C-alpha atoms as a PDB file:
ATOM      1  CA  MET A   1       0.166   0.107  -0.171  1.00  0.00           C
ATOM      2  CA  ARG A   2       1.299   3.482  -0.799  1.00  0.00           C
ATOM      3  CA  PHE A   3      -0.326   6.563   0.107  1.00  0.00           C
ATOM      4  CA  ARG A   4      -1.305   9.310  -1.915  1.00  0.00           C
ATOM      5  CA  ASP A   5       0.062  11.865   0.380  1.00  0.00           C
ATOM      6  CA  ARG A   6      -0.140  12.435   4.439  1.00  0.00           C
ATOM      7  CA  ASN A   7      -3.490  13.675   4.136  1.00  0.00           C
ATOM      8  CA  ASP A   8      -4.565  10.311   2.525  1.00  0.00           C
ATOM      9  CA  ALA A   9      -2.531   8.498   5.457  1.00  0.00           C
ATOM     10  CA  ALA A  10      -4.530  10.415   7.817  1.00  0.00           C
ATOM     11  CA  ASN A  11      -7.648   9.544   6.594  1.00  0.00           C
ATOM     12  CA  ARG A  12      -6.677   6.300   6.725  1.00  0.00           C
ATOM     13  CA  LEU A  13      -5.751   5.839  10.087  1.00  0.00           C
ATOM     14  CA  ALA A  14      -8.921   8.037  11.215  1.00  0.00           C
ATOM     15  CA  GLU A  15     -10.942   5.018  10.283  1.00  0.00           C
ATOM     16  CA  ALA A  16      -8.608   2.512  12.185  1.00  0.00           C
ATOM     17  CA  LEU A  17      -8.823   5.152  14.944  1.00  0.00           C
ATOM     18  CA  SER A  18     -12.556   5.502  14.957  1.00  0.00           C
ATOM     19  CA  ASP A  19     -13.225   3.459  18.023  1.00  0.00           C
ATOM     20  CA  PHE A  20     -11.459   6.846  19.804  1.00  0.00           C
ATOM     21  CA  ARG A  21     -14.137   9.004  18.161  1.00  0.00           C
ATOM     22  CA  GLY A  22     -15.769  11.562  20.583  1.00  0.00           C
ATOM     23  CA  ARG A  23     -13.852  10.336  24.012  1.00  0.00           C
ATOM     24  CA  ASN A  24     -11.949  13.005  23.790  1.00  0.00           C
ATOM     25  CA  PRO A  25      -8.370  11.938  22.274  1.00  0.00           C
ATOM     26  CA  LEU A  26      -5.689  14.164  23.075  1.00  0.00           C
ATOM     27  CA  LEU A  27      -3.572  14.243  19.369  1.00  0.00           C
ATOM     28  CA  LEU A  28       0.272  14.142  20.155  1.00  0.00           C
ATOM     29  CA  ALA A  29       1.856  14.674  16.570  1.00  0.00           C
ATOM     30  CA  ILE A  30       5.610  14.480  16.254  1.00  0.00           C
ATOM     31  CA  PRO A  31       7.038  17.559  14.460  1.00  0.00           C
ATOM     32  CA  ARG A  32       7.555  18.117  11.945  1.00  0.00           C
ATOM     33  CA  GLY A  33       5.821  15.696   9.425  1.00  0.00           C
ATOM     34  CA  ALA A  34       3.053  14.242  11.848  1.00  0.00           C
ATOM     35  CA  VAL A  35       1.644  18.031  12.674  1.00  0.00           C
ATOM     36  CA  PRO A  36      -0.663  17.943   9.335  1.00  0.00           C
ATOM     37  CA  MET A  37      -1.783  14.599  10.119  1.00  0.00           C
ATOM     38  CA  GLY A  38      -2.433  14.813  13.735  1.00  0.00           C
ATOM     39  CA  ARG A  39      -4.552  18.173  12.825  1.00  0.00           C
ATOM     40  CA  LEU A  40      -6.909  15.855  10.884  1.00  0.00           C
ATOM     41  CA  LEU A  41      -7.013  13.555  12.923  1.00  0.00           C
ATOM     42  CA  ALA A  42      -7.902  16.103  15.878  1.00  0.00           C
ATOM     43  CA  ASP A  43     -11.183  17.104  13.521  1.00  0.00           C
ATOM     44  CA  ALA A  44     -11.827  13.198  12.345  1.00  0.00           C
ATOM     45  CA  LEU A  45     -12.234  12.165  16.030  1.00  0.00           C
ATOM     46  CA  GLN A  46     -13.168  14.833  17.717  1.00  0.00           C
ATOM     47  CA  GLY A  47     -10.229  15.436  19.742  1.00  0.00           C
ATOM     48  CA  GLU A  48      -7.928  18.167  20.584  1.00  0.00           C
ATOM     49  CA  LEU A  49      -4.548  18.560  18.768  1.00  0.00           C
ATOM     50  CA  ASP A  50      -0.795  19.267  20.265  1.00  0.00           C
ATOM     51  CA  VAL A  51       2.547  18.255  19.497  1.00  0.00           C
ATOM     52  CA  VAL A  52       5.576  15.778  21.624  1.00  0.00           C
ATOM     53  CA  LEU A  53       8.744  17.116  20.930  1.00  0.00           C
ATOM     54  CA  VAL A  54      11.317  14.576  20.474  1.00  0.00           C
ATOM     55  CA  ARG A  55      14.236  14.415  18.470  1.00  0.00           C
ATOM     56  CA  LYS A  56      16.296  12.138  16.565  1.00  0.00           C
ATOM     57  CA  LEU A  57      19.795  11.613  17.678  1.00  0.00           C
ATOM     58  CA  ARG A  58      21.577  11.425  14.711  1.00  0.00           C
ATOM     59  CA  SER A  59      24.561   8.773  13.676  1.00  0.00           C
ATOM     60  CA  PRO A  60      28.364   9.800  12.970  1.00  0.00           C
ATOM     61  CA  GLN A  61      27.965   8.384  10.203  1.00  0.00           C
ATOM     62  CA  SER A  62      24.744   9.761   8.947  1.00  0.00           C
ATOM     63  CA  ALA A  63      22.566  12.421   9.694  1.00  0.00           C
ATOM     64  CA  GLU A  64      19.538  10.546   8.672  1.00  0.00           C
ATOM     65  CA  PHE A  65      20.091   7.368  10.164  1.00  0.00           C
ATOM     66  CA  ALA A  66      18.681   7.724  14.306  1.00  0.00           C
ATOM     67  CA  VAL A  67      21.190   5.618  16.674  1.00  0.00           C
ATOM     68  CA  GLY A  68      18.633   7.085  19.335  1.00  0.00           C
ATOM     69  CA  ALA A  69      15.993   9.882  20.361  1.00  0.00           C
ATOM     70  CA  ILE A  70      15.799  12.378  23.423  1.00  0.00           C
ATOM     71  CA  ASP A  71      12.541  14.229  24.516  1.00  0.00           C
ATOM     72  CA  GLU A  72      12.142  17.854  26.354  1.00  0.00           C
ATOM     73  CA  SER A  73      13.213  16.395  29.886  1.00  0.00           C
ATOM     74  CA  GLY A  74      16.871  15.034  29.134  1.00  0.00           C
ATOM     75  CA  TRP A  75      15.821  11.301  29.229  1.00  0.00           C
ATOM     76  CA  ALA A  76      16.721   9.668  26.245  1.00  0.00           C
ATOM     77  CA  TYR A  77      16.454   5.910  24.492  1.00  0.00           C
ATOM     78  CA  ILE A  78      19.616   4.928  23.427  1.00  0.00           C
ATOM     79  CA  ALA A  79      19.686   1.703  19.978  1.00  0.00           C
ATOM     80  CA  ASP A  80      21.301  -1.104  21.128  1.00  0.00           C
ATOM     81  CA  TYR A  81      23.546  -0.954  18.274  1.00  0.00           C
ATOM     82  CA  ALA A  82      24.724   2.807  18.482  1.00  0.00           C
ATOM     83  CA  SER A  83      28.325   1.850  19.420  1.00  0.00           C
ATOM     84  CA  GLU A  84      28.299   0.049  16.540  1.00  0.00           C
ATOM     85  CA  VAL A  85      27.804   3.000  14.196  1.00  0.00           C
ATOM     86  CA  GLY A  86      30.660   4.949  16.124  1.00  0.00           C
ATOM     87  CA  ALA A  87      28.487   6.479  18.767  1.00  0.00           C
ATOM     88  CA  ASP A  88      29.911   6.378  22.012  1.00  0.00           C
ATOM     89  CA  ALA A  89      29.148   8.190  25.205  1.00  0.00           C
ATOM     90  CA  GLY A  90      31.224  11.542  24.351  1.00  0.00           C
ATOM     91  CA  TYR A  91      29.729  11.365  21.144  1.00  0.00           C
ATOM     92  CA  LEU A  92      26.440  11.120  22.359  1.00  0.00           C
ATOM     93  CA  GLU A  93      26.496  13.534  25.405  1.00  0.00           C
ATOM     94  CA  SER A  94      27.482  15.858  22.800  1.00  0.00           C
ATOM     95  CA  GLU A  95      24.598  14.967  20.373  1.00  0.00           C
ATOM     96  CA  LYS A  96      21.986  15.300  23.484  1.00  0.00           C
ATOM     97  CA  GLN A  97      22.937  18.857  23.936  1.00  0.00           C
ATOM     98  CA  LEU A  98      22.639  20.001  20.550  1.00  0.00           C
ATOM     99  CA  GLN A  99      19.468  18.013  19.881  1.00  0.00           C
ATOM    100  CA  LEU A 100      18.077  19.237  23.473  1.00  0.00           C
ATOM    101  CA  GLN A 101      19.220  23.575  22.396  1.00  0.00           C
ATOM    102  CA  THR A 102      16.977  22.581  19.386  1.00  0.00           C
ATOM    103  CA  LEU A 103      13.551  21.541  21.264  1.00  0.00           C
ATOM    104  CA  ARG A 104      14.340  24.713  23.413  1.00  0.00           C
ATOM    105  CA  GLY A 105      13.699  26.542  20.281  1.00  0.00           C
ATOM    106  CA  ARG A 106      10.764  24.157  18.602  1.00  0.00           C
ATOM    107  CA  ARG A 107       8.671  24.672  22.111  1.00  0.00           C
ATOM    108  CA  ALA A 108       9.169  28.625  22.482  1.00  0.00           C
ATOM    109  CA  ALA A 109       8.379  28.890  18.253  1.00  0.00           C
ATOM    110  CA  TYR A 110       5.745  26.294  18.839  1.00  0.00           C
ATOM    111  CA  THR A 111       2.975  26.976  21.594  1.00  0.00           C
ATOM    112  CA  PRO A 112       4.961  30.381  23.222  1.00  0.00           C
ATOM    113  CA  HIS A 113       1.945  30.932  24.574  1.00  0.00           C
ATOM    114  CA  ARG A 114       0.423  28.236  26.964  1.00  0.00           C
ATOM    115  CA  ALA A 115       1.346  25.381  28.289  1.00  0.00           C
ATOM    116  CA  PRO A 116       1.379  21.925  26.617  1.00  0.00           C
ATOM    117  CA  LEU A 117      -2.051  20.390  26.657  1.00  0.00           C
ATOM    118  CA  GLU A 118      -3.533  18.200  29.984  1.00  0.00           C
ATOM    119  CA  VAL A 119      -2.828  14.280  29.311  1.00  0.00           C
ATOM    120  CA  ALA A 120      -3.036  12.974  32.576  1.00  0.00           C
ATOM    121  CA  GLY A 121      -5.891  10.555  32.523  1.00  0.00           C
ATOM    122  CA  ARG A 122      -6.793  10.936  29.095  1.00  0.00           C
ATOM    123  CA  VAL A 123      -6.708   8.766  25.588  1.00  0.00           C
ATOM    124  CA  ALA A 124      -3.358  10.124  24.374  1.00  0.00           C
ATOM    125  CA  ILE A 125      -2.703   9.259  20.628  1.00  0.00           C
ATOM    126  CA  VAL A 126       0.633   9.714  19.558  1.00  0.00           C
ATOM    127  CA  VAL A 127       0.877  10.109  15.796  1.00  0.00           C
ATOM    128  CA  ASP A 128       3.796   9.881  13.566  1.00  0.00           C
ATOM    129  CA  ASP A 129       3.796   9.593   9.360  1.00  0.00           C
ATOM    130  CA  GLY A 130       6.210   6.349   9.754  1.00  0.00           C
ATOM    131  CA  LEU A 131       8.419   4.134  11.831  1.00  0.00           C
ATOM    132  CA  ALA A 132      11.612   3.644  10.409  1.00  0.00           C
ATOM    133  CA  THR A 133      14.016   2.877  13.894  1.00  0.00           C
ATOM    134  CA  GLY A 134      11.509   3.415  15.839  1.00  0.00           C
ATOM    135  CA  ALA A 135      13.865   5.821  18.352  1.00  0.00           C
ATOM    136  CA  THR A 136      11.671   9.103  18.080  1.00  0.00           C
ATOM    137  CA  MET A 137       8.484   7.210  18.947  1.00  0.00           C
ATOM    138  CA  ILE A 138      10.027   5.469  21.924  1.00  0.00           C
ATOM    139  CA  ALA A 139      11.508   8.492  23.127  1.00  0.00           C
ATOM    140  CA  ALA A 140       7.825  10.344  22.676  1.00  0.00           C
ATOM    141  CA  LEU A 141       5.927   7.784  24.044  1.00  0.00           C
ATOM    142  CA  HIS A 142       8.079   7.634  27.164  1.00  0.00           C
ATOM    143  CA  ALA A 143       7.575  11.469  27.585  1.00  0.00           C
ATOM    144  CA  VAL A 144       3.640  10.891  27.530  1.00  0.00           C
ATOM    145  CA  ARG A 145       3.871   8.136  29.891  1.00  0.00           C
ATOM    146  CA  ALA A 146       5.303  10.186  32.104  1.00  0.00           C
ATOM    147  CA  ARG A 147       2.248  12.400  32.086  1.00  0.00           C
ATOM    148  CA  ARG A 148       0.154   9.513  33.567  1.00  0.00           C
ATOM    149  CA  PRO A 149      -2.279   9.336  30.094  1.00  0.00           C
ATOM    150  CA  GLY A 150      -5.664   7.121  30.810  1.00  0.00           C
ATOM    151  CA  TYR A 151      -4.794   5.114  27.837  1.00  0.00           C
ATOM    152  CA  LEU A 152      -2.019   5.493  25.314  1.00  0.00           C
ATOM    153  CA  VAL A 153      -1.801   4.730  21.673  1.00  0.00           C
ATOM    154  CA  CYS A 154       0.796   4.326  19.092  1.00  0.00           C
ATOM    155  CA  ALA A 155      -0.610   5.187  15.839  1.00  0.00           C
ATOM    156  CA  VAL A 156       1.383   5.321  12.241  1.00  0.00           C
ATOM    157  CA  PRO A 157       0.760   4.294   8.863  1.00  0.00           C
ATOM    158  CA  VAL A 158       3.334   2.267   8.036  1.00  0.00           C
ATOM    159  CA  ALA A 159       6.576   0.914   9.771  1.00  0.00           C
ATOM    160  CA  ALA A 160       9.206  -1.838   9.526  1.00  0.00           C
ATOM    161  CA  PRO A 161       8.215  -4.928  11.562  1.00  0.00           C
ATOM    162  CA  GLU A 162      11.444  -4.892  13.646  1.00  0.00           C
ATOM    163  CA  SER A 163      10.815  -1.261  14.731  1.00  0.00           C
ATOM    164  CA  LEU A 164       6.796  -2.530  15.208  1.00  0.00           C
ATOM    165  CA  ALA A 165       7.970  -4.800  17.751  1.00  0.00           C
ATOM    166  CA  LYS A 166      10.459  -2.629  19.287  1.00  0.00           C
ATOM    167  CA  VAL A 167       7.727  -0.062  19.930  1.00  0.00           C
ATOM    168  CA  ARG A 168       5.197  -2.020  20.956  1.00  0.00           C
ATOM    169  CA  PRO A 169       5.837  -2.602  24.461  1.00  0.00           C
ATOM    170  CA  HIS A 170       5.953   0.973  25.450  1.00  0.00           C
ATOM    171  CA  ALA A 171       1.937   1.876  24.303  1.00  0.00           C
ATOM    172  CA  ASP A 172      -1.201   0.336  25.925  1.00  0.00           C
ATOM    173  CA  GLU A 173      -1.933  -0.347  22.097  1.00  0.00           C
ATOM    174  CA  VAL A 174      -0.455   0.309  18.404  1.00  0.00           C
ATOM    175  CA  VAL A 175      -2.115   1.003  15.340  1.00  0.00           C
ATOM    176  CA  CYS A 176      -0.086   0.409  11.917  1.00  0.00           C
ATOM    177  CA  LEU A 177      -2.334   0.033   8.895  1.00  0.00           C
ATOM    178  CA  GLN A 178       0.898  -1.993   7.442  1.00  0.00           C
ATOM    179  CA  ALA A 179       4.208  -3.171   8.127  1.00  0.00           C
ATOM    180  CA  PRO A 180       6.358  -4.243   5.106  1.00  0.00           C
ATOM    181  CA  ALA A 181       8.982  -6.817   4.924  1.00  0.00           C
ATOM    182  CA  GLU A 182      10.729  -4.697   2.067  1.00  0.00           C
ATOM    183  CA  PHE A 183      10.527  -1.340   4.248  1.00  0.00           C
ATOM    184  CA  GLN A 184      13.680   0.758   3.193  1.00  0.00           C
ATOM    185  CA  ALA A 185      12.575   4.257   4.406  1.00  0.00           C
ATOM    186  CA  VAL A 186       9.317   5.971   5.342  1.00  0.00           C
ATOM    187  CA  GLY A 187       9.191   7.928   2.469  1.00  0.00           C
ATOM    188  CA  GLN A 188       8.927   5.039  -0.112  1.00  0.00           C
ATOM    189  CA  PHE A 189       5.370   4.806   0.866  1.00  0.00           C
ATOM    190  CA  TYR A 190       4.208   8.123  -0.391  1.00  0.00           C
ATOM    191  CA  LEU A 191       3.612   9.250  -3.526  1.00  0.00           C
ATOM    192  CA  GLU A 192       4.172  12.697  -1.919  1.00  0.00           C
ATOM    193  CA  PHE A 193       6.490  13.559   0.769  1.00  0.00           C
ATOM    194  CA  PRO A 194       7.304  17.103   0.677  1.00  0.00           C
ATOM    195  CA  GLN A 195       9.132  18.731   3.982  1.00  0.00           C
ATOM    196  CA  VAL A 196       6.930  20.257   6.605  1.00  0.00           C
ATOM    197  CA  GLU A 197       8.224  23.414   7.448  1.00  0.00           C
ATOM    198  CA  ASP A 198       8.340  25.571  11.080  1.00  0.00           C
ATOM    199  CA  ASP A 199       5.832  27.791   9.841  1.00  0.00           C
ATOM    200  CA  GLU A 200       3.264  25.426   8.544  1.00  0.00           C
ATOM    201  CA  VAL A 201       3.507  23.732  12.170  1.00  0.00           C
ATOM    202  CA  VAL A 202       2.724  26.974  13.896  1.00  0.00           C
ATOM    203  CA  ALA A 203      -0.247  27.639  11.778  1.00  0.00           C
ATOM    204  CA  LEU A 204      -1.777  24.374  12.247  1.00  0.00           C
ATOM    205  CA  LEU A 205      -1.258  24.816  15.702  1.00  0.00           C
ATOM    206  CA  SER A 206      -2.775  27.838  16.289  1.00  0.00           C
ATOM    207  CA  SER A 207      -5.668  27.380  13.703  1.00  0.00           C
ATOM    208  CA  HIS A 208      -6.910  23.919  15.376  1.00  0.00           C
ATOM    209  CA  ALA A 209      -6.653  26.357  18.852  1.00  0.00           C
ATOM    210  CA  LEU A 210      -8.730  29.173  17.329  1.00  0.00           C
ATOM    211  CA  SER A 211     -11.591  26.935  15.616  1.00  0.00           C
ATOM    212  CA  GLY A 212     -12.128  25.397  19.440  1.00  0.00           C
ATOM    213  CA  GLY A 213      -9.817  22.550  18.974  1.00  0.00           C
ATOM    214  CA  ASP A 214     -12.108  20.211  21.575  1.00  0.00           C
ATOM    215  CA  HIS A 215     -15.414  20.972  19.442  1.00  0.00           C
ATOM    216  CA  ASP A 216     -17.267  22.570  22.067  1.00  0.00           C
ATOM    217  CA  ARG A 217     -17.316  19.474  24.362  1.00  0.00           C
END
């Protein structure tokens, strides 16, 4: 299965997540790519939209390859293969500090005038446009779990099978539309997969808040 674009993927995910409609779910999108999807899902499920801020820790050999991920608190997930690709303790500490600085900047830009929306006791659905290594999703789920949701869901259109297996223990439920054996990269499963910029993320979060977000429940 290939998706036309992120909107198509979100619409298909909305069908798979329809049991949560009307339960005031909190859609927590991983920036930047998943935020447009989160907006559509929040509308479809009559929920609210926010972001969960995490950053991948990049391999010293390739900036596109994750050796782990870090959340806003500084907690980090380190992949078991990190040292094999040259990510030793010194490198990881430097990379963590760099990504934490980016996270602080994103928080200031994305939600400058409010605190993160309340998670405690709610259905929290963490959304991304796909799982490659699974590192950022694990960090995101850990960050959200620490805020005591009533039920924690991981929702993705596509995932590498081994990454999906790594993520499952960190959520109460995982909704994934496909986990093909031939997985190489998330983008291969989208006909259109443009980069999402910061200004689009800010606009989506602002417009959802202004539109009521919770559909007047």
